[in-house]
Amino acid sequence: MPRVPSDDEGVASVRVSLARSGGTRRPCVRLPADDELDARVESGSCESLEPADGDVVRVVFDREKRYAPVRGDSRGRLIRGAYDNRRLAREPGEGTNRLAAWLDANGREPGDSVVLDVVVPGELYGLRNPGERTVYEATRGPRSSLADIARDLDG
């Protein structure tokens, strides 16, 4: 698997703010607008650079891969949680929210910022504290048709 450092020229890094998730006090990651990311990511063969509301993307923090559902609100898209597998990401009430635990362990709360690394646009993102450097395993996920079949089999 190709390993890519967060400061590689092929990785777009965007400082993003943490927001409150709905009526809860739990912080979540507010994704930047498409035009802000598009300006930082060279469009290659990808049809869609950015995840849409309802998509599940891979998110890496502390060198651990998690799965995060993308949700929308009146101000844009959010990642409210990250879970151990896709099934738990689609049914977040069942699993442990690893994103909340990571933010808590790093003393991050709404109003603070983290760095969002776009490793594989629309598929793989990294989160890290500003000033930190990390290395990602830049693998592409299955083609959407295979992912859809797997999702159907999972129920």
C-alpha atoms as a PDB file:
ATOM      1  CA  MET A   1       0.000   0.000   0.000  1.00  0.00           C
ATOM      2  CA  PRO A   2       1.347   3.424  -0.864  1.00  0.00           C
ATOM      3  CA  ARG A   3       2.206   5.507   2.190  1.00  0.00           C
ATOM      4  CA  VAL A   4       1.679   9.237   1.878  1.00  0.00           C
ATOM      5  CA  PRO A   5       2.828  11.840   4.429  1.00  0.00           C
ATOM      6  CA  SER A   6       0.400  14.596   5.388  1.00  0.00           C
ATOM      7  CA  ASP A   7       2.802  17.205   3.986  1.00  0.00           C
ATOM      8  CA  ASP A   8       2.986  15.508   0.564  1.00  0.00           C
ATOM      9  CA  GLU A   9       2.111  17.795  -2.347  1.00  0.00           C
ATOM     10  CA  GLY A  10      -0.678  15.372  -3.354  1.00  0.00           C
ATOM     11  CA  VAL A  11      -2.476  15.811  -0.023  1.00  0.00           C
ATOM     12  CA  ALA A  12      -4.678  18.885   0.309  1.00  0.00           C
ATOM     13  CA  SER A  13      -4.758  20.130   3.905  1.00  0.00           C
ATOM     14  CA  VAL A  14      -7.489  22.441   5.129  1.00  0.00           C
ATOM     15  CA  ARG A  15      -7.875  23.870   8.630  1.00  0.00           C
ATOM     16  CA  VAL A  16     -11.477  23.211   9.682  1.00  0.00           C
ATOM     17  CA  SER A  17     -13.459  24.362  12.700  1.00  0.00           C
ATOM     18  CA  LEU A  18     -15.160  22.148  15.203  1.00  0.00           C
ATOM     19  CA  ALA A  19     -18.845  22.892  15.671  1.00  0.00           C
ATOM     20  CA  ARG A  20     -21.591  21.670  17.952  1.00  0.00           C
ATOM     21  CA  SER A  21     -23.568  18.705  16.715  1.00  0.00           C
ATOM     22  CA  GLY A  22     -27.221  19.698  16.735  1.00  0.00           C
ATOM     23  CA  GLY A  23     -28.584  20.062  20.251  1.00  0.00           C
ATOM     24  CA  THR A  24     -25.759  18.081  21.828  1.00  0.00           C
ATOM     25  CA  ARG A  25     -22.640  19.555  23.380  1.00  0.00           C
ATOM     26  CA  ARG A  26     -20.467  17.079  21.471  1.00  0.00           C
ATOM     27  CA  PRO A  27     -18.056  18.620  18.941  1.00  0.00           C
ATOM     28  CA  CYS A  28     -18.144  17.598  15.298  1.00  0.00           C
ATOM     29  CA  VAL A  29     -16.037  18.433  12.242  1.00  0.00           C
ATOM     30  CA  ARG A  30     -17.550  20.946   9.829  1.00  0.00           C
ATOM     31  CA  LEU A  31     -16.418  20.134   6.294  1.00  0.00           C
ATOM     32  CA  PRO A  32     -15.424  23.074   4.097  1.00  0.00           C
ATOM     33  CA  ALA A  33     -17.541  24.096   1.128  1.00  0.00           C
ATOM     34  CA  ASP A  34     -16.911  22.279  -2.152  1.00  0.00           C
ATOM     35  CA  ASP A  35     -15.374  25.346  -3.799  1.00  0.00           C
ATOM     36  CA  GLU A  36     -12.801  25.684  -1.000  1.00  0.00           C
ATOM     37  CA  LEU A  37     -11.748  22.051  -1.332  1.00  0.00           C
ATOM     38  CA  ASP A  38     -11.903  22.075  -5.129  1.00  0.00           C
ATOM     39  CA  ALA A  39      -9.440  24.969  -5.134  1.00  0.00           C
ATOM     40  CA  ARG A  40      -6.998  22.822  -3.118  1.00  0.00           C
ATOM     41  CA  VAL A  41      -7.512  19.470  -4.816  1.00  0.00           C
ATOM     42  CA  GLU A  42      -6.420  18.885  -8.388  1.00  0.00           C
ATOM     43  CA  SER A  43      -9.266  17.115 -10.105  1.00  0.00           C
ATOM     44  CA  GLY A  44      -8.037  13.979 -11.763  1.00  0.00           C
ATOM     45  CA  SER A  45     -10.135  11.017 -12.793  1.00  0.00           C
ATOM     46  CA  CYS A  46     -12.586  11.428  -9.895  1.00  0.00           C
ATOM     47  CA  GLU A  47     -16.122  12.267 -10.852  1.00  0.00           C
ATOM     48  CA  SER A  48     -16.994  13.685  -7.431  1.00  0.00           C
ATOM     49  CA  LEU A  49     -14.364  15.160  -5.162  1.00  0.00           C
ATOM     50  CA  GLU A  50     -16.532  15.675  -2.133  1.00  0.00           C
ATOM     51  CA  PRO A  51     -18.741  13.414  -0.077  1.00  0.00           C
ATOM     52  CA  ALA A  52     -22.471  14.080  -0.088  1.00  0.00           C
ATOM     53  CA  ASP A  53     -24.919  13.966   2.800  1.00  0.00           C
ATOM     54  CA  GLY A  54     -25.435  10.284   3.615  1.00  0.00           C
ATOM     55  CA  ASP A  55     -22.089   9.038   2.264  1.00  0.00           C
ATOM     56  CA  VAL A  56     -19.780   7.041   4.520  1.00  0.00           C
ATOM     57  CA  VAL A  57     -16.107   7.969   4.128  1.00  0.00           C
ATOM     58  CA  ARG A  58     -12.924   6.586   5.637  1.00  0.00           C
ATOM     59  CA  VAL A  59     -11.291   8.877   8.182  1.00  0.00           C
ATOM     60  CA  VAL A  60      -7.866   8.306   9.725  1.00  0.00           C
ATOM     61  CA  PHE A  61      -6.701   9.801  13.012  1.00  0.00           C
ATOM     62  CA  ASP A  62      -4.015   8.479  15.338  1.00  0.00           C
ATOM     63  CA  ARG A  63      -3.071   6.153  12.443  1.00  0.00           C
ATOM     64  CA  GLU A  64      -6.367   4.255  12.873  1.00  0.00           C
ATOM     65  CA  LYS A  65      -8.867   3.979  10.024  1.00  0.00           C
ATOM     66  CA  ARG A  66     -12.489   4.642  10.956  1.00  0.00           C
ATOM     67  CA  TYR A  67     -15.722   5.083   9.028  1.00  0.00           C
ATOM     68  CA  ALA A  68     -17.670   8.327   9.244  1.00  0.00           C
ATOM     69  CA  PRO A  69     -21.142   9.152   7.983  1.00  0.00           C
ATOM     70  CA  VAL A  70     -21.381  12.580   6.378  1.00  0.00           C
ATOM     71  CA  ARG A  71     -24.433  14.535   7.505  1.00  0.00           C
ATOM     72  CA  GLY A  72     -25.820  17.814   6.288  1.00  0.00           C
ATOM     73  CA  ASP A  73     -27.378  20.714   8.128  1.00  0.00           C
ATOM     74  CA  SER A  74     -28.418  24.245   7.161  1.00  0.00           C
ATOM     75  CA  ARG A  75     -24.754  25.381   7.116  1.00  0.00           C
ATOM     76  CA  GLY A  76     -23.194  22.510   5.167  1.00  0.00           C
ATOM     77  CA  ARG A  77     -21.753  19.063   5.805  1.00  0.00           C
ATOM     78  CA  LEU A  78     -20.534  17.588   9.074  1.00  0.00           C
ATOM     79  CA  ILE A  79     -18.786  14.552  10.412  1.00  0.00           C
ATOM     80  CA  ARG A  80     -20.413  13.925  13.778  1.00  0.00           C
ATOM     81  CA  GLY A  81     -18.752  10.610  14.528  1.00  0.00           C
ATOM     82  CA  ALA A  82     -16.321   7.960  13.333  1.00  0.00           C
ATOM     83  CA  TYR A  83     -16.820   4.245  13.959  1.00  0.00           C
ATOM     84  CA  ASP A  84     -14.946   0.954  13.665  1.00  0.00           C
ATOM     85  CA  ASN A  85     -16.744  -0.279  10.519  1.00  0.00           C
ATOM     86  CA  ARG A  86     -19.230   0.805   7.845  1.00  0.00           C
ATOM     87  CA  ARG A  87     -22.185  -0.934   9.479  1.00  0.00           C
ATOM     88  CA  LEU A  88     -21.658   0.938  12.742  1.00  0.00           C
ATOM     89  CA  ALA A  89     -21.231   4.186  10.793  1.00  0.00           C
ATOM     90  CA  ARG A  90     -24.639   3.659   9.191  1.00  0.00           C
ATOM     91  CA  GLU A  91     -26.164   2.809  12.611  1.00  0.00           C
ATOM     92  CA  PRO A  92     -24.158   5.085  14.951  1.00  0.00           C
ATOM     93  CA  GLY A  93     -26.236   4.352  18.048  1.00  0.00           C
ATOM     94  CA  GLU A  94     -24.668   0.890  18.234  1.00  0.00           C
ATOM     95  CA  GLY A  95     -20.953   1.703  18.188  1.00  0.00           C
ATOM     96  CA  THR A  96     -18.432   3.804  20.047  1.00  0.00           C
ATOM     97  CA  ASN A  97     -17.896   7.254  18.563  1.00  0.00           C
ATOM     98  CA  ARG A  98     -14.112   7.211  18.124  1.00  0.00           C
ATOM     99  CA  LEU A  99     -14.077  10.794  16.810  1.00  0.00           C
ATOM    100  CA  ALA A 100     -15.586  12.159  20.034  1.00  0.00           C
ATOM    101  CA  ALA A 101     -13.042  10.178  22.080  1.00  0.00           C
ATOM    102  CA  TRP A 102     -10.131  11.466  19.925  1.00  0.00           C
ATOM    103  CA  LEU A 103     -11.296  15.079  20.177  1.00  0.00           C
ATOM    104  CA  ASP A 104     -11.728  14.712  23.937  1.00  0.00           C
ATOM    105  CA  ALA A 105      -8.289  13.095  24.360  1.00  0.00           C
ATOM    106  CA  ASN A 106      -6.748  16.015  22.442  1.00  0.00           C
ATOM    107  CA  GLY A 107      -8.631  18.687  24.395  1.00  0.00           C
ATOM    108  CA  ARG A 108     -10.534  19.858  21.314  1.00  0.00           C
ATOM    109  CA  GLU A 109     -13.963  21.422  21.621  1.00  0.00           C
ATOM    110  CA  PRO A 110     -16.349  23.522  19.507  1.00  0.00           C
ATOM    111  CA  GLY A 111     -14.603  26.621  18.211  1.00  0.00           C
ATOM    112  CA  ASP A 112     -11.204  24.914  18.051  1.00  0.00           C
ATOM    113  CA  SER A 113      -9.698  23.766  14.774  1.00  0.00           C
ATOM    114  CA  VAL A 114      -8.123  20.620  13.387  1.00  0.00           C
ATOM    115  CA  VAL A 115      -6.520  19.889  10.031  1.00  0.00           C
ATOM    116  CA  LEU A 116      -8.502  17.897   7.468  1.00  0.00           C
ATOM    117  CA  ASP A 117      -6.220  16.128   4.970  1.00  0.00           C
ATOM    118  CA  VAL A 118      -7.793  15.083   1.679  1.00  0.00           C
ATOM    119  CA  VAL A 119      -5.840  11.908   0.913  1.00  0.00           C
ATOM    120  CA  VAL A 120      -8.160  10.280  -1.669  1.00  0.00           C
ATOM    121  CA  PRO A 121     -10.865  12.818  -2.619  1.00  0.00           C
ATOM    122  CA  GLY A 122     -14.364  11.619  -1.817  1.00  0.00           C
ATOM    123  CA  GLU A 123     -13.045   8.474  -0.081  1.00  0.00           C
ATOM    124  CA  LEU A 124     -10.210   8.914   2.432  1.00  0.00           C
ATOM    125  CA  TYR A 125      -9.609  11.830   4.775  1.00  0.00           C
ATOM    126  CA  GLY A 126      -7.259  12.372   7.672  1.00  0.00           C
ATOM    127  CA  LEU A 127      -7.668  14.432  10.812  1.00  0.00           C
ATOM    128  CA  ARG A 128      -4.796  15.757  12.872  1.00  0.00           C
ATOM    129  CA  ASN A 129      -3.959  18.538  15.256  1.00  0.00           C
ATOM    130  CA  PRO A 130      -2.454  21.678  13.679  1.00  0.00           C
ATOM    131  CA  GLY A 131       1.327  21.438  13.512  1.00  0.00           C
ATOM    132  CA  GLU A 132       1.408  17.641  13.641  1.00  0.00           C
ATOM    133  CA  ARG A 133       2.572  15.445  10.782  1.00  0.00           C
ATOM    134  CA  THR A 134       1.380  11.921  10.016  1.00  0.00           C
ATOM    135  CA  VAL A 135       1.552   9.261   7.322  1.00  0.00           C
ATOM    136  CA  TYR A 136      -1.495   7.724   5.617  1.00  0.00           C
ATOM    137  CA  GLU A 137      -1.986   4.476   3.724  1.00  0.00           C
ATOM    138  CA  ALA A 138      -3.514   5.874   0.552  1.00  0.00           C
ATOM    139  CA  THR A 139      -5.701   3.052  -0.677  1.00  0.00           C
ATOM    140  CA  ARG A 140      -8.733   3.567  -2.820  1.00  0.00           C
ATOM    141  CA  GLY A 141     -11.966   1.973  -1.696  1.00  0.00           C
ATOM    142  CA  PRO A 142     -13.923  -0.441  -3.867  1.00  0.00           C
ATOM    143  CA  ARG A 143     -15.694   0.909  -6.927  1.00  0.00           C
ATOM    144  CA  SER A 144     -19.091   2.265  -5.972  1.00  0.00           C
ATOM    145  CA  SER A 145     -20.898  -0.662  -7.598  1.00  0.00           C
ATOM    146  CA  LEU A 146     -18.993  -3.121  -5.383  1.00  0.00           C
ATOM    147  CA  ALA A 147     -19.537  -0.940  -2.322  1.00  0.00           C
ATOM    148  CA  ASP A 148     -23.263  -0.837  -3.076  1.00  0.00           C
ATOM    149  CA  ILE A 149     -23.399  -4.631  -3.307  1.00  0.00           C
ATOM    150  CA  ALA A 150     -21.541  -4.982   0.001  1.00  0.00           C
ATOM    151  CA  ARG A 151     -23.853  -2.439   1.615  1.00  0.00           C
ATOM    152  CA  ASP A 152     -26.896  -4.393   0.393  1.00  0.00           C
ATOM    153  CA  LEU A 153     -25.460  -7.629   1.797  1.00  0.00           C
ATOM    154  CA  ASP A 154     -24.799  -5.976   5.171  1.00  0.00           C
ATOM    155  CA  GLY A 155     -28.482  -5.117   5.366  1.00  0.00           C
END
